[in-house]
């Protein structure tokens, strides 16, 4: 908890920092950046995009997060934190999963 614990410790109504909803207008910008350059995507940004499209991670280990998709098999949504960055091949898999999800919903990716 580090410095946040000290600052929230004596607050009469402690804030739950992780429950604040992410600004949805930022998701399309992140997805656009992922399309343009899948090599330089922060893990936190990829995680936010995955939560937006696929809901909460069903499995979240020390460095991996696995998201449930409405289909079986590929493209899978399994992302890994690599020193704060997302792995390029996993960004491409997430982009393919988003395309498939949007196509199945009748939207253009």
C-alpha atoms as a PDB file:
ATOM      1  CA  UNK A   1       0.000   0.000   0.000  1.00  0.00           C
ATOM      2  CA  UNK A   2       2.993   2.290   0.467  1.00  0.00           C
ATOM      3  CA  UNK A   3       2.389   6.055   0.536  1.00  0.00           C
ATOM      4  CA  UNK A   4      -1.310   5.640  -0.272  1.00  0.00           C
ATOM      5  CA  UNK A   5      -1.854   3.784   2.975  1.00  0.00           C
ATOM      6  CA  UNK A   6      -0.465   6.711   4.989  1.00  0.00           C
ATOM      7  CA  UNK A   7      -2.506   9.319   3.113  1.00  0.00           C
ATOM      8  CA  UNK A   8      -5.764   7.335   3.401  1.00  0.00           C
ATOM      9  CA  UNK A   9      -5.199   5.859   6.835  1.00  0.00           C
ATOM     10  CA  UNK A  10      -6.728   8.686   8.828  1.00  0.00           C
ATOM     11  CA  UNK A  11      -9.327   9.705   6.276  1.00  0.00           C
ATOM     12  CA  UNK A  12     -12.852   9.283   7.719  1.00  0.00           C
ATOM     13  CA  UNK A  13     -14.123   7.838   4.416  1.00  0.00           C
ATOM     14  CA  UNK A  14     -11.277   5.895   2.786  1.00  0.00           C
ATOM     15  CA  UNK A  15     -11.301   6.007  -0.982  1.00  0.00           C
ATOM     16  CA  UNK A  16     -11.205   2.857  -3.056  1.00  0.00           C
ATOM     17  CA  UNK A  17      -8.778   3.890  -5.788  1.00  0.00           C
ATOM     18  CA  UNK A  18      -9.235   0.836  -8.002  1.00  0.00           C
ATOM     19  CA  UNK A  19     -13.026   1.250  -8.164  1.00  0.00           C
ATOM     20  CA  UNK A  20     -12.895   4.596  -9.975  1.00  0.00           C
ATOM     21  CA  UNK A  21     -14.157   3.966 -13.515  1.00  0.00           C
ATOM     22  CA  UNK A  22     -11.694   4.581 -16.314  1.00  0.00           C
ATOM     23  CA  UNK A  23     -12.514   7.424 -18.687  1.00  0.00           C
ATOM     24  CA  UNK A  24     -14.221   5.596 -21.565  1.00  0.00           C
ATOM     25  CA  UNK A  25     -13.274   8.314 -24.047  1.00  0.00           C
ATOM     26  CA  UNK A  26      -9.647   7.207 -23.616  1.00  0.00           C
ATOM     27  CA  UNK A  27     -10.296   3.627 -24.769  1.00  0.00           C
ATOM     28  CA  UNK A  28     -10.619   4.486 -28.509  1.00  0.00           C
ATOM     29  CA  UNK A  29      -7.385   6.503 -28.302  1.00  0.00           C
ATOM     30  CA  UNK A  30      -5.539   3.589 -26.738  1.00  0.00           C
ATOM     31  CA  UNK A  31      -6.943   1.156 -29.325  1.00  0.00           C
ATOM     32  CA  UNK A  32      -5.879   3.507 -32.126  1.00  0.00           C
ATOM     33  CA  UNK A  33      -2.371   3.716 -30.664  1.00  0.00           C
ATOM     34  CA  UNK A  34      -2.303  -0.096 -30.376  1.00  0.00           C
ATOM     35  CA  UNK A  35      -3.179  -0.401 -34.065  1.00  0.00           C
ATOM     36  CA  UNK A  36      -0.484   2.066 -35.095  1.00  0.00           C
ATOM     37  CA  UNK A  37       2.315   0.666 -32.941  1.00  0.00           C
ATOM     38  CA  UNK A  38       1.737  -2.629 -31.111  1.00  0.00           C
ATOM     39  CA  UNK A  39       5.347  -2.651 -29.860  1.00  0.00           C
ATOM     40  CA  UNK A  40       5.056   0.275 -27.471  1.00  0.00           C
ATOM     41  CA  UNK A  41       1.868  -0.403 -25.502  1.00  0.00           C
ATOM     42  CA  UNK A  42       1.896  -0.100 -21.737  1.00  0.00           C
ATOM     43  CA  UNK A  43       0.539  -3.125 -19.899  1.00  0.00           C
ATOM     44  CA  UNK A  44      -1.812  -0.911 -17.863  1.00  0.00           C
ATOM     45  CA  UNK A  45      -3.329   0.494 -21.073  1.00  0.00           C
ATOM     46  CA  UNK A  46      -3.772  -2.957 -22.603  1.00  0.00           C
ATOM     47  CA  UNK A  47      -5.354  -4.173 -19.365  1.00  0.00           C
ATOM     48  CA  UNK A  48      -7.860  -1.268 -19.420  1.00  0.00           C
ATOM     49  CA  UNK A  49      -8.793  -2.033 -23.020  1.00  0.00           C
ATOM     50  CA  UNK A  50      -9.266  -5.722 -22.200  1.00  0.00           C
ATOM     51  CA  UNK A  51     -11.464  -4.892 -19.201  1.00  0.00           C
ATOM     52  CA  UNK A  52     -13.557  -2.577 -21.391  1.00  0.00           C
ATOM     53  CA  UNK A  53     -14.160  -5.190 -24.089  1.00  0.00           C
ATOM     54  CA  UNK A  54     -14.068  -8.468 -22.123  1.00  0.00           C
ATOM     55  CA  UNK A  55     -14.915  -7.593 -18.516  1.00  0.00           C
ATOM     56  CA  UNK A  56     -12.891  -8.454 -15.438  1.00  0.00           C
ATOM     57  CA  UNK A  57      -9.988 -10.844 -15.769  1.00  0.00           C
ATOM     58  CA  UNK A  58     -11.072 -14.360 -14.788  1.00  0.00           C
ATOM     59  CA  UNK A  59      -7.523 -15.246 -13.841  1.00  0.00           C
ATOM     60  CA  UNK A  60      -4.907 -12.808 -12.707  1.00  0.00           C
ATOM     61  CA  UNK A  61      -1.587 -14.299 -11.710  1.00  0.00           C
ATOM     62  CA  UNK A  62       1.566 -12.429 -10.810  1.00  0.00           C
ATOM     63  CA  UNK A  63       2.352 -11.375 -14.372  1.00  0.00           C
ATOM     64  CA  UNK A  64      -0.544 -12.768 -16.470  1.00  0.00           C
ATOM     65  CA  UNK A  65      -4.187 -11.784 -16.834  1.00  0.00           C
ATOM     66  CA  UNK A  66      -6.646 -14.043 -18.692  1.00  0.00           C
ATOM     67  CA  UNK A  67      -9.931 -12.629 -19.985  1.00  0.00           C
ATOM     68  CA  UNK A  68     -13.012 -14.630 -20.934  1.00  0.00           C
ATOM     69  CA  UNK A  69     -14.235 -14.382 -24.520  1.00  0.00           C
ATOM     70  CA  UNK A  70     -17.667 -15.338 -25.870  1.00  0.00           C
ATOM     71  CA  UNK A  71     -16.036 -17.960 -28.120  1.00  0.00           C
ATOM     72  CA  UNK A  72     -13.821 -20.975 -27.544  1.00  0.00           C
ATOM     73  CA  UNK A  73     -10.261 -21.020 -28.842  1.00  0.00           C
ATOM     74  CA  UNK A  74      -8.372 -18.345 -30.727  1.00  0.00           C
ATOM     75  CA  UNK A  75      -7.951 -15.467 -30.584  1.00  0.00           C
ATOM     76  CA  UNK A  76      -7.290 -15.847 -26.895  1.00  0.00           C
ATOM     77  CA  UNK A  77      -6.997 -12.908 -24.540  1.00  0.00           C
ATOM     78  CA  UNK A  78      -4.090 -13.658 -22.237  1.00  0.00           C
ATOM     79  CA  UNK A  79      -1.839 -10.706 -21.493  1.00  0.00           C
ATOM     80  CA  UNK A  80       1.446 -10.523 -19.655  1.00  0.00           C
ATOM     81  CA  UNK A  81       3.187  -7.696 -17.820  1.00  0.00           C
ATOM     82  CA  UNK A  82       6.745  -7.445 -19.122  1.00  0.00           C
ATOM     83  CA  UNK A  83       8.371  -4.760 -16.968  1.00  0.00           C
ATOM     84  CA  UNK A  84       5.411  -2.408 -17.417  1.00  0.00           C
ATOM     85  CA  UNK A  85       4.992  -3.068 -21.141  1.00  0.00           C
ATOM     86  CA  UNK A  86       2.715  -5.437 -23.056  1.00  0.00           C
ATOM     87  CA  UNK A  87       4.177  -8.047 -25.371  1.00  0.00           C
ATOM     88  CA  UNK A  88       3.697  -7.243 -29.051  1.00  0.00           C
ATOM     89  CA  UNK A  89       2.218 -10.605 -30.023  1.00  0.00           C
ATOM     90  CA  UNK A  90      -0.324 -10.330 -27.204  1.00  0.00           C
ATOM     91  CA  UNK A  91      -1.327  -6.823 -28.342  1.00  0.00           C
ATOM     92  CA  UNK A  92      -1.932  -8.293 -31.815  1.00  0.00           C
ATOM     93  CA  UNK A  93      -4.013 -11.121 -30.283  1.00  0.00           C
ATOM     94  CA  UNK A  94      -6.114  -8.597 -28.350  1.00  0.00           C
ATOM     95  CA  UNK A  95      -6.629  -6.546 -31.519  1.00  0.00           C
ATOM     96  CA  UNK A  96      -7.763  -9.689 -33.368  1.00  0.00           C
ATOM     97  CA  UNK A  97     -10.139 -10.541 -30.505  1.00  0.00           C
ATOM     98  CA  UNK A  98     -11.599  -7.009 -30.547  1.00  0.00           C
ATOM     99  CA  UNK A  99     -12.111  -7.267 -34.326  1.00  0.00           C
ATOM    100  CA  UNK A 100     -13.853 -10.621 -33.924  1.00  0.00           C
ATOM    101  CA  UNK A 101     -16.024  -9.287 -31.089  1.00  0.00           C
ATOM    102  CA  UNK A 102     -17.042  -6.203 -33.090  1.00  0.00           C
ATOM    103  CA  UNK A 103     -17.757  -8.277 -36.209  1.00  0.00           C
ATOM    104  CA  UNK A 104     -19.971 -10.622 -34.205  1.00  0.00           C
ATOM    105  CA  UNK A 105     -21.822  -7.585 -32.820  1.00  0.00           C
ATOM    106  CA  UNK A 106     -22.268  -6.150 -36.312  1.00  0.00           C
ATOM    107  CA  UNK A 107     -19.839  -3.258 -35.794  1.00  0.00           C
ATOM    108  CA  UNK A 108     -16.892  -2.341 -37.975  1.00  0.00           C
ATOM    109  CA  UNK A 109     -13.492  -2.770 -36.289  1.00  0.00           C
END
